[in-house]
Amino acid sequence: MNTEAPSFEIRSADDDGKLLLVGSVPRGLTGYDGCHFDASLVSIPLSASVRVYDIQPQNWSAFFQDLAANWKGWSGEKRMESLEGHLAVSATSDSLGHVSLRVRLRDIIPGTADWCAEGTLVVEAGQLQRLADDARKFFGQ
């Protein structure tokens, strides 16, 4: 992966896990114009990467902004997924100011076996605004 390209990283507060997104996401995509970026889920026992395709990447900015706006917590699960399911994130909160981000990477290759890797990153409610700002820089508005 090209680490000199723009990136967005989420580090877990309770272990070494992280989600790293890398790529140049074009601004102003409309209709079915799409883009690609790379996603890696990394921790001591796991390392998985996938190329993600999405047609409305700015929706990821809105997802993280919604988490930041509700930093005091919410009931149930908030979920976001890329167009073809290569990247999915579901967020739940607890009463102690922690947000669990369940991250799933999946590669679907026609005619071959597909694979899936999942992990949970824990972030503190105080980190959510920074994550929303970083997401906006990476994905646009």
C-alpha atoms as a PDB file:
ATOM      1  CA  MET A   1       0.000   0.000   0.000  1.00  0.00           C
ATOM      2  CA  ASN A   2       1.115   3.536  -0.703  1.00  0.00           C
ATOM      3  CA  THR A   3       1.560   5.131   2.719  1.00  0.00           C
ATOM      4  CA  GLU A   4       2.414   8.522   1.160  1.00  0.00           C
ATOM      5  CA  ALA A   5      -1.153   8.870  -0.100  1.00  0.00           C
ATOM      6  CA  PRO A   6      -3.766  10.521   2.131  1.00  0.00           C
ATOM      7  CA  SER A   7      -4.813   8.296   5.017  1.00  0.00           C
ATOM      8  CA  PHE A   8      -7.346   7.950   7.809  1.00  0.00           C
ATOM      9  CA  GLU A   9      -6.486   5.838  10.847  1.00  0.00           C
ATOM     10  CA  ILE A  10      -8.528   4.627  13.791  1.00  0.00           C
ATOM     11  CA  ARG A  11      -6.483   3.183  16.665  1.00  0.00           C
ATOM     12  CA  SER A  12      -8.073   1.109  19.393  1.00  0.00           C
ATOM     13  CA  ALA A  13      -7.754   2.594  22.891  1.00  0.00           C
ATOM     14  CA  ASP A  14      -7.450  -0.784  24.605  1.00  0.00           C
ATOM     15  CA  ASP A  15      -5.015  -2.752  22.425  1.00  0.00           C
ATOM     16  CA  ASP A  16      -2.796  -2.491  19.339  1.00  0.00           C
ATOM     17  CA  GLY A  17      -5.630  -2.826  16.801  1.00  0.00           C
ATOM     18  CA  LYS A  18      -6.148  -0.266  14.062  1.00  0.00           C
ATOM     19  CA  LEU A  19      -8.051   0.384  10.864  1.00  0.00           C
ATOM     20  CA  LEU A  20      -6.027   2.215   8.226  1.00  0.00           C
ATOM     21  CA  LEU A  21      -7.614   3.656   5.080  1.00  0.00           C
ATOM     22  CA  VAL A  22      -5.250   4.888   2.361  1.00  0.00           C
ATOM     23  CA  GLY A  23      -5.900   6.528  -0.997  1.00  0.00           C
ATOM     24  CA  SER A  24      -6.871   9.709  -2.772  1.00  0.00           C
ATOM     25  CA  VAL A  25     -10.642  10.025  -2.585  1.00  0.00           C
ATOM     26  CA  PRO A  26     -11.881  12.433  -5.278  1.00  0.00           C
ATOM     27  CA  ARG A  27     -14.170  15.246  -4.203  1.00  0.00           C
ATOM     28  CA  GLY A  28     -17.520  16.007  -5.787  1.00  0.00           C
ATOM     29  CA  LEU A  29     -18.426  12.519  -6.973  1.00  0.00           C
ATOM     30  CA  THR A  30     -21.978  12.381  -8.318  1.00  0.00           C
ATOM     31  CA  GLY A  31     -24.315   9.654  -9.458  1.00  0.00           C
ATOM     32  CA  TYR A  32     -22.436   6.436 -10.077  1.00  0.00           C
ATOM     33  CA  ASP A  33     -18.925   7.872 -10.250  1.00  0.00           C
ATOM     34  CA  GLY A  34     -16.888   5.659  -7.993  1.00  0.00           C
ATOM     35  CA  CYS A  35     -13.557   5.610  -6.271  1.00  0.00           C
ATOM     36  CA  HIS A  36     -11.214   3.129  -4.679  1.00  0.00           C
ATOM     37  CA  PHE A  37      -9.214   3.237  -1.473  1.00  0.00           C
ATOM     38  CA  ASP A  38      -7.333   0.587   0.497  1.00  0.00           C
ATOM     39  CA  ALA A  39      -8.452  -0.637   3.917  1.00  0.00           C
ATOM     40  CA  SER A  40      -6.261  -2.569   6.356  1.00  0.00           C
ATOM     41  CA  LEU A  41      -7.298  -4.074   9.674  1.00  0.00           C
ATOM     42  CA  VAL A  42      -4.208  -4.784  11.761  1.00  0.00           C
ATOM     43  CA  SER A  43      -3.520  -6.169  15.226  1.00  0.00           C
ATOM     44  CA  ILE A  44      -1.050  -8.626  16.735  1.00  0.00           C
ATOM     45  CA  PRO A  45      -2.995 -11.746  15.648  1.00  0.00           C
ATOM     46  CA  LEU A  46      -4.440 -10.313  12.403  1.00  0.00           C
ATOM     47  CA  SER A  47      -3.480  -8.409   9.303  1.00  0.00           C
ATOM     48  CA  ALA A  48      -5.923  -8.119   6.409  1.00  0.00           C
ATOM     49  CA  SER A  49      -6.225  -5.655   3.535  1.00  0.00           C
ATOM     50  CA  VAL A  50      -8.774  -5.089   0.814  1.00  0.00           C
ATOM     51  CA  ARG A  51      -9.391  -2.631  -2.014  1.00  0.00           C
ATOM     52  CA  VAL A  52     -12.684  -0.831  -1.306  1.00  0.00           C
ATOM     53  CA  TYR A  53     -14.985   0.525  -4.005  1.00  0.00           C
ATOM     54  CA  ASP A  54     -17.603   3.125  -3.147  1.00  0.00           C
ATOM     55  CA  ILE A  55     -19.717   5.622  -5.073  1.00  0.00           C
ATOM     56  CA  GLN A  56     -20.567   7.990  -2.213  1.00  0.00           C
ATOM     57  CA  PRO A  57     -17.504   8.026   0.054  1.00  0.00           C
ATOM     58  CA  GLN A  58     -18.673  11.270   1.699  1.00  0.00           C
ATOM     59  CA  ASN A  59     -21.283   9.133   3.493  1.00  0.00           C
ATOM     60  CA  TRP A  60     -18.420   7.851   5.652  1.00  0.00           C
ATOM     61  CA  SER A  61     -17.811  11.448   6.801  1.00  0.00           C
ATOM     62  CA  ALA A  62     -21.492  11.737   7.730  1.00  0.00           C
ATOM     63  CA  PHE A  63     -21.293   8.427   9.630  1.00  0.00           C
ATOM     64  CA  PHE A  64     -18.379   9.586  11.791  1.00  0.00           C
ATOM     65  CA  GLN A  65     -19.928  13.038  12.248  1.00  0.00           C
ATOM     66  CA  ASP A  66     -23.096  11.341  13.538  1.00  0.00           C
ATOM     67  CA  LEU A  67     -21.026   9.370  16.072  1.00  0.00           C
ATOM     68  CA  ALA A  68     -19.330  12.587  17.230  1.00  0.00           C
ATOM     69  CA  ALA A  69     -22.649  14.455  17.478  1.00  0.00           C
ATOM     70  CA  ASN A  70     -23.967  11.657  19.722  1.00  0.00           C
ATOM     71  CA  TRP A  71     -20.822  11.329  21.838  1.00  0.00           C
ATOM     72  CA  LYS A  72     -22.882  10.870  25.013  1.00  0.00           C
ATOM     73  CA  GLY A  73     -24.068   7.537  23.640  1.00  0.00           C
ATOM     74  CA  TRP A  74     -26.978   5.986  21.787  1.00  0.00           C
ATOM     75  CA  SER A  75     -29.010   2.826  21.943  1.00  0.00           C
ATOM     76  CA  GLY A  76     -28.594   0.081  19.407  1.00  0.00           C
ATOM     77  CA  GLU A  77     -26.152  -0.035  16.542  1.00  0.00           C
ATOM     78  CA  LYS A  78     -25.124   2.542  13.936  1.00  0.00           C
ATOM     79  CA  ARG A  79     -23.866   0.935  10.731  1.00  0.00           C
ATOM     80  CA  MET A  80     -22.084   1.934   7.524  1.00  0.00           C
ATOM     81  CA  GLU A  81     -21.000  -0.231   4.603  1.00  0.00           C
ATOM     82  CA  SER A  82     -19.241   0.397   1.305  1.00  0.00           C
ATOM     83  CA  LEU A  83     -21.188  -0.189  -1.895  1.00  0.00           C
ATOM     84  CA  GLU A  84     -19.942  -3.718  -2.536  1.00  0.00           C
ATOM     85  CA  GLY A  85     -19.475  -4.729   1.097  1.00  0.00           C
ATOM     86  CA  HIS A  86     -15.674  -4.615   1.140  1.00  0.00           C
ATOM     87  CA  LEU A  87     -15.721  -2.469   4.284  1.00  0.00           C
ATOM     88  CA  ALA A  88     -18.387  -2.396   6.989  1.00  0.00           C
ATOM     89  CA  VAL A  89     -18.316  -0.650  10.357  1.00  0.00           C
ATOM     90  CA  SER A  90     -20.923  -0.956  13.094  1.00  0.00           C
ATOM     91  CA  ALA A  91     -20.757   1.226  16.195  1.00  0.00           C
ATOM     92  CA  THR A  92     -22.232   0.664  19.646  1.00  0.00           C
ATOM     93  CA  SER A  93     -21.743   2.723  22.784  1.00  0.00           C
ATOM     94  CA  ASP A  94     -21.779   1.960  26.478  1.00  0.00           C
ATOM     95  CA  SER A  95     -22.622   4.099  29.491  1.00  0.00           C
ATOM     96  CA  LEU A  96     -18.926   4.594  30.348  1.00  0.00           C
ATOM     97  CA  GLY A  97     -17.993   6.682  27.304  1.00  0.00           C
ATOM     98  CA  HIS A  98     -16.625   3.882  25.140  1.00  0.00           C
ATOM     99  CA  VAL A  99     -17.562   3.227  21.544  1.00  0.00           C
ATOM    100  CA  SER A 100     -16.968  -0.208  20.029  1.00  0.00           C
ATOM    101  CA  LEU A 101     -16.360  -0.177  16.292  1.00  0.00           C
ATOM    102  CA  ARG A 102     -16.838  -3.637  14.794  1.00  0.00           C
ATOM    103  CA  VAL A 103     -14.897  -3.586  11.526  1.00  0.00           C
ATOM    104  CA  ARG A 104     -15.371  -6.146   8.771  1.00  0.00           C
ATOM    105  CA  LEU A 105     -13.197  -6.407   5.681  1.00  0.00           C
ATOM    106  CA  ARG A 106     -14.366  -8.724   2.939  1.00  0.00           C
ATOM    107  CA  ASP A 107     -13.054  -9.549  -0.489  1.00  0.00           C
ATOM    108  CA  ILE A 108     -15.395 -11.002  -3.041  1.00  0.00           C
ATOM    109  CA  ILE A 109     -13.625 -12.384  -6.080  1.00  0.00           C
ATOM    110  CA  PRO A 110     -15.931 -13.935  -8.706  1.00  0.00           C
ATOM    111  CA  GLY A 111     -15.087 -17.550  -9.406  1.00  0.00           C
ATOM    112  CA  THR A 112     -12.932 -17.973  -6.288  1.00  0.00           C
ATOM    113  CA  ALA A 113     -13.477 -18.245  -2.582  1.00  0.00           C
ATOM    114  CA  ASP A 114     -14.194 -15.034  -0.744  1.00  0.00           C
ATOM    115  CA  TRP A 115     -12.762 -14.132   2.657  1.00  0.00           C
ATOM    116  CA  CYS A 116     -13.759 -12.025   5.635  1.00  0.00           C
ATOM    117  CA  ALA A 117     -11.762 -10.561   8.544  1.00  0.00           C
ATOM    118  CA  GLU A 118     -13.357  -8.887  11.566  1.00  0.00           C
ATOM    119  CA  GLY A 119     -12.161  -7.085  14.642  1.00  0.00           C
ATOM    120  CA  THR A 120     -13.359  -4.627  17.272  1.00  0.00           C
ATOM    121  CA  LEU A 121     -11.694  -1.293  17.922  1.00  0.00           C
ATOM    122  CA  VAL A 122     -12.591   0.550  21.118  1.00  0.00           C
ATOM    123  CA  VAL A 123     -12.470   4.337  21.036  1.00  0.00           C
ATOM    124  CA  GLU A 124     -13.274   6.833  23.755  1.00  0.00           C
ATOM    125  CA  ALA A 125     -16.137   9.279  23.302  1.00  0.00           C
ATOM    126  CA  GLY A 126     -13.596  12.115  23.519  1.00  0.00           C
ATOM    127  CA  GLN A 127     -11.895  10.829  20.338  1.00  0.00           C
ATOM    128  CA  LEU A 128     -15.036  10.967  18.196  1.00  0.00           C
ATOM    129  CA  GLN A 129     -14.786  14.604  17.083  1.00  0.00           C
ATOM    130  CA  ARG A 130     -11.170  14.127  15.974  1.00  0.00           C
ATOM    131  CA  LEU A 131     -12.194  10.993  14.065  1.00  0.00           C
ATOM    132  CA  ALA A 132     -15.047  12.912  12.416  1.00  0.00           C
ATOM    133  CA  ASP A 133     -12.632  15.704  11.426  1.00  0.00           C
ATOM    134  CA  ASP A 134     -10.096  13.194  10.074  1.00  0.00           C
ATOM    135  CA  ALA A 135     -12.841  11.376   8.149  1.00  0.00           C
ATOM    136  CA  ARG A 136     -13.955  14.653   6.576  1.00  0.00           C
ATOM    137  CA  LYS A 137     -10.354  15.370   5.487  1.00  0.00           C
ATOM    138  CA  PHE A 138     -10.029  11.900   3.968  1.00  0.00           C
ATOM    139  CA  PHE A 139     -13.499  11.431   2.411  1.00  0.00           C
ATOM    140  CA  GLY A 140     -14.687  15.005   1.890  1.00  0.00           C
ATOM    141  CA  GLN A 141     -18.063  16.417   2.909  1.00  0.00           C
END
